[in-house]
C-alpha cells in the first residue's frame, strides 16, 4: 500500500513499460492477498489512463498473467486474490492434464487430498511413509516442518564431495536479454 501511495509502484510500472515489458507474470497468485492484487490493478489502470490508450494501443499496455493453484498455499491471514474486485477482469483457465506424474494411483491420491478427502489417499500413500528418517534415501523426502527440512538439507549438503562454491549475486532490476 505504501509503494502505491508514494508513487513508487506507478514509477516502477512506468519504467517497465518504457523498457519494453508488456507482460508481468505473477506466480503463486494463491499467496497474494486480495488487496495487493487490487492495488496492482489500480496502478496499471492509472498508468493506462494517463497514457490515454485507445483500441489500437492495446499492444503498448502492461498486462498481467496470474499463475497459481488455490488448493496449495493460501495468503497468510488475508483474503484470497480471487476475492478482489479486480478478479473479474481476468479469464480463468484450469489445467486438467497432469504431466509430472504417471502413476495413476498416486495421481488418484493427490486428487483426493486436493478435494479434502485425505482419508482416501492414506491406503495409497501409506506404503511410502517411513517411521524413521533415512538420510541415505536417494529420493524425495517430504517433511512436515521447515526446520526439519533445513536440518535434512544441511546434513545432505555436508555429504557432498568437494569444497562448497559461493556465488555472490546482485540484482540489477533489469531483465537480461538471454533470460528470455
Protein backbone atom coordinates (compact mmCIF):
# COMPACT_ATOMS: atom_id res chain seq x y z
CA UNK A 1 0.00 0.00 0.00
CA UNK A 2 2.82 2.41 0.86
CA UNK A 3 4.53 1.83 -2.50
CA UNK A 4 1.28 2.68 -4.28
CA UNK A 5 0.55 5.75 -2.14
CA UNK A 6 4.09 7.08 -2.52
CA UNK A 7 4.00 6.64 -6.29
CA UNK A 8 6.84 4.10 -6.30
CA UNK A 9 4.71 1.31 -7.76
CA UNK A 10 3.48 3.56 -10.58
CA UNK A 11 7.04 4.67 -11.27
CA UNK A 12 8.31 1.05 -11.46
CA UNK A 13 5.46 0.04 -13.76
CA UNK A 14 6.14 3.07 -15.99
CA UNK A 15 9.84 2.11 -16.19
CA UNK A 16 8.97 -1.48 -17.04
CA UNK A 17 6.66 -0.37 -19.85
CA UNK A 18 9.24 2.11 -21.09
CA UNK A 19 11.87 -0.66 -21.24
CA UNK A 20 9.59 -2.76 -23.48
CA UNK A 21 7.97 -5.07 -20.93
CA UNK A 22 4.38 -5.85 -21.92
CA UNK A 23 3.55 -8.82 -19.69
CA UNK A 24 4.04 -9.20 -15.94
CA UNK A 25 3.65 -12.76 -14.63
CA UNK A 26 2.64 -13.16 -11.00
CA UNK A 27 3.33 -16.75 -9.95
CA UNK A 28 1.84 -18.36 -6.83
CA UNK A 29 -1.12 -15.97 -7.03
CA UNK A 30 -2.81 -18.02 -4.30
CA UNK A 31 -0.41 -16.45 -1.82
CA UNK A 32 -1.18 -12.86 -2.88
CA UNK A 33 -3.79 -11.13 -0.73
CA UNK A 34 -6.82 -9.62 -2.49
CA UNK A 35 -5.90 -6.06 -1.55
CA UNK A 36 -2.46 -6.36 -3.17
CA UNK A 37 -3.97 -7.55 -6.44
CA UNK A 38 -6.43 -4.65 -6.29
CA UNK A 39 -3.59 -2.18 -5.76
CA UNK A 40 -1.54 -3.55 -8.67
CA UNK A 41 -4.56 -3.43 -10.97
CA UNK A 42 -5.36 0.13 -9.84
CA UNK A 43 -1.76 1.21 -10.54
CA UNK A 44 -1.95 -0.34 -14.02
CA UNK A 45 -5.29 1.38 -14.66
CA UNK A 46 -3.82 4.71 -13.55
CA UNK A 47 -0.84 4.19 -15.86
CA UNK A 48 -3.12 3.40 -18.80
CA UNK A 49 -5.45 6.33 -18.14
CA UNK A 50 -2.54 8.79 -18.12
CA UNK A 51 -1.41 7.47 -21.46
CA UNK A 52 -4.93 7.59 -22.91
CA UNK A 53 -4.99 4.22 -24.67
CA UNK A 54 -7.47 3.52 -27.38
CA UNK A 55 -8.26 0.21 -29.08
CA UNK A 56 -5.24 0.46 -31.39
CA UNK A 57 -2.83 0.96 -28.48
CA UNK A 58 -3.63 -2.35 -26.74
CA UNK A 59 -0.18 -3.76 -27.56
CA UNK A 60 1.50 -0.96 -25.61
CA UNK A 61 -0.32 -1.76 -22.36
CA UNK A 62 1.20 -3.70 -19.49
CA UNK A 63 -0.79 -6.86 -18.92
CA UNK A 64 -0.89 -9.31 -16.03
CA UNK A 65 -0.76 -13.10 -16.19
CA UNK A 66 -1.68 -14.72 -12.89
CA UNK A 67 -0.50 -18.28 -12.29
CA UNK A 68 -1.21 -20.44 -9.30
CA UNK A 69 -3.12 -23.16 -7.54
CA UNK A 70 -5.57 -22.05 -4.87
CA UNK A 71 -5.53 -25.54 -3.38
CA UNK A 72 -1.89 -25.16 -2.40
CA UNK A 73 -0.63 -22.17 -0.42
CA UNK A 74 -3.16 -19.57 0.77
CA UNK A 75 -2.32 -15.98 1.72
CA UNK A 76 -1.38 -15.56 5.36
CA UNK A 77 -4.49 -14.44 7.27
CA UNK A 78 -5.76 -12.37 4.33
CA UNK A 79 -8.49 -12.59 1.72
CA UNK A 80 -7.73 -14.68 -1.39
CA UNK A 81 -6.78 -12.87 -4.60
CA UNK A 82 -10.00 -14.09 -6.23
CA UNK A 83 -11.91 -12.09 -3.60
CA UNK A 84 -10.50 -8.86 -5.03
CA UNK A 85 -12.96 -6.74 -7.05
CA UNK A 86 -10.25 -6.75 -9.76
CA UNK A 87 -10.54 -10.54 -10.17
CA UNK A 88 -13.41 -10.21 -12.64
CA UNK A 89 -11.11 -8.69 -15.26
CA UNK A 90 -9.19 -11.97 -15.58
CA UNK A 91 -10.10 -15.08 -17.55
CA UNK A 92 -9.53 -18.31 -15.62
CA UNK A 93 -8.16 -21.41 -17.24
CA UNK A 94 -7.96 -24.75 -15.48
CA UNK A 95 -5.22 -27.16 -16.45
CA UNK A 96 -6.54 -30.71 -16.29
CA UNK A 97 -3.74 -32.88 -17.68
CA UNK A 98 -1.20 -33.98 -15.08
CA UNK A 99 2.24 -34.01 -16.63
CA UNK A 100 4.63 -34.53 -13.72
CA UNK A 101 3.25 -37.88 -12.60
CA UNK A 102 2.47 -41.05 -14.50
CA UNK A 103 1.39 -43.34 -11.66
CA UNK A 104 -2.42 -43.30 -11.78
CA UNK A 105 -2.81 -44.46 -8.18
CA UNK A 106 -0.51 -41.70 -6.94
CA UNK A 107 -2.45 -39.14 -9.02
CA UNK A 108 -5.67 -40.50 -7.51
CA UNK A 109 -4.24 -39.98 -4.01
CA UNK A 110 -3.13 -36.43 -4.78
CA UNK A 111 -6.55 -35.56 -6.22
CA UNK A 112 -8.25 -36.96 -3.09
CA UNK A 113 -6.05 -34.75 -0.90
CA UNK A 114 -6.84 -31.72 -3.07
CA UNK A 115 -10.57 -32.39 -2.63
CA UNK A 116 -10.12 -32.53 1.15
CA UNK A 117 -10.60 -36.30 1.26
CA UNK A 118 -7.21 -37.24 2.69
CA UNK A 119 -8.55 -40.45 4.24
CA UNK A 120 -8.98 -41.85 0.70
CA UNK A 121 -5.30 -41.17 -0.03
CA UNK A 122 -3.94 -42.94 3.05
CA UNK A 123 -4.15 -46.53 1.70
CA UNK A 124 -2.36 -45.46 -1.48
CA UNK A 125 0.35 -43.41 0.22
CA UNK A 126 0.80 -45.47 3.42
CA UNK A 127 3.45 -47.78 1.87
CA UNK A 128 5.56 -44.69 1.06
CA UNK A 129 5.68 -43.48 4.67
CA UNK A 130 8.73 -44.23 6.78
CA UNK A 131 8.67 -44.37 10.58
CA UNK A 132 12.30 -43.28 10.79
CA UNK A 133 14.05 -40.72 8.61
CA UNK A 134 16.55 -42.39 6.29
CA UNK A 135 19.29 -39.89 5.43
CA UNK A 136 20.71 -42.33 2.86
CA UNK A 137 17.46 -42.44 0.86
CA UNK A 138 18.15 -41.07 -2.63
CA UNK A 139 14.59 -39.98 -3.49
CA UNK A 140 12.48 -37.03 -2.47
CA UNK A 141 11.82 -36.73 1.24
CA UNK A 142 8.72 -34.86 2.38
CA UNK A 143 8.81 -33.40 5.87
CA UNK A 144 6.11 -31.56 7.78
CA UNK A 145 8.09 -28.63 9.17
CA UNK A 146 10.55 -26.15 7.67
CA UNK A 147 13.11 -26.63 10.46
CA UNK A 148 13.20 -30.38 9.72
CA UNK A 149 13.67 -29.63 6.01
CA UNK A 150 16.53 -27.24 6.83
CA UNK A 151 18.24 -29.87 9.03
CA UNK A 152 17.96 -32.63 6.41
CA UNK A 153 19.14 -30.31 3.64
CA UNK A 154 22.13 -29.25 5.77
CA UNK A 155 23.06 -32.86 6.58
CA UNK A 156 22.79 -33.91 2.92
CA UNK A 157 24.74 -30.85 1.84
CA UNK A 158 27.56 -31.79 4.21
CA UNK A 159 27.89 -35.17 2.47
CA UNK A 160 28.51 -33.63 -0.96
CA UNK A 161 32.09 -34.08 -2.19
CA UNK A 162 34.45 -31.16 -2.70
CA UNK A 163 34.55 -27.66 -1.32
CA UNK A 164 31.42 -25.50 -1.32
CA UNK A 165 31.04 -22.89 -4.02
CA UNK A 166 29.74 -19.48 -3.05
CA UNK A 167 28.13 -17.32 -5.72
CA UNK A 168 27.58 -13.66 -4.99
CA UNK A 169 24.81 -12.01 -6.97
CA UNK A 170 23.49 -8.54 -7.41
CA UNK A 171 20.06 -7.51 -8.51
CA UNK A 172 20.02 -5.11 -11.40
CA UNK A 173 16.27 -4.71 -11.72
CA UNK A 174 16.53 -5.10 -15.49
CA UNK A 175 15.79 -8.38 -17.21
CA UNK A 176 18.74 -9.66 -19.17
CA UNK A 177 18.12 -10.44 -22.84
CA UNK A 178 19.43 -14.02 -22.53
CA UNK A 179 16.81 -14.76 -19.84
CA UNK A 180 14.01 -14.52 -22.38
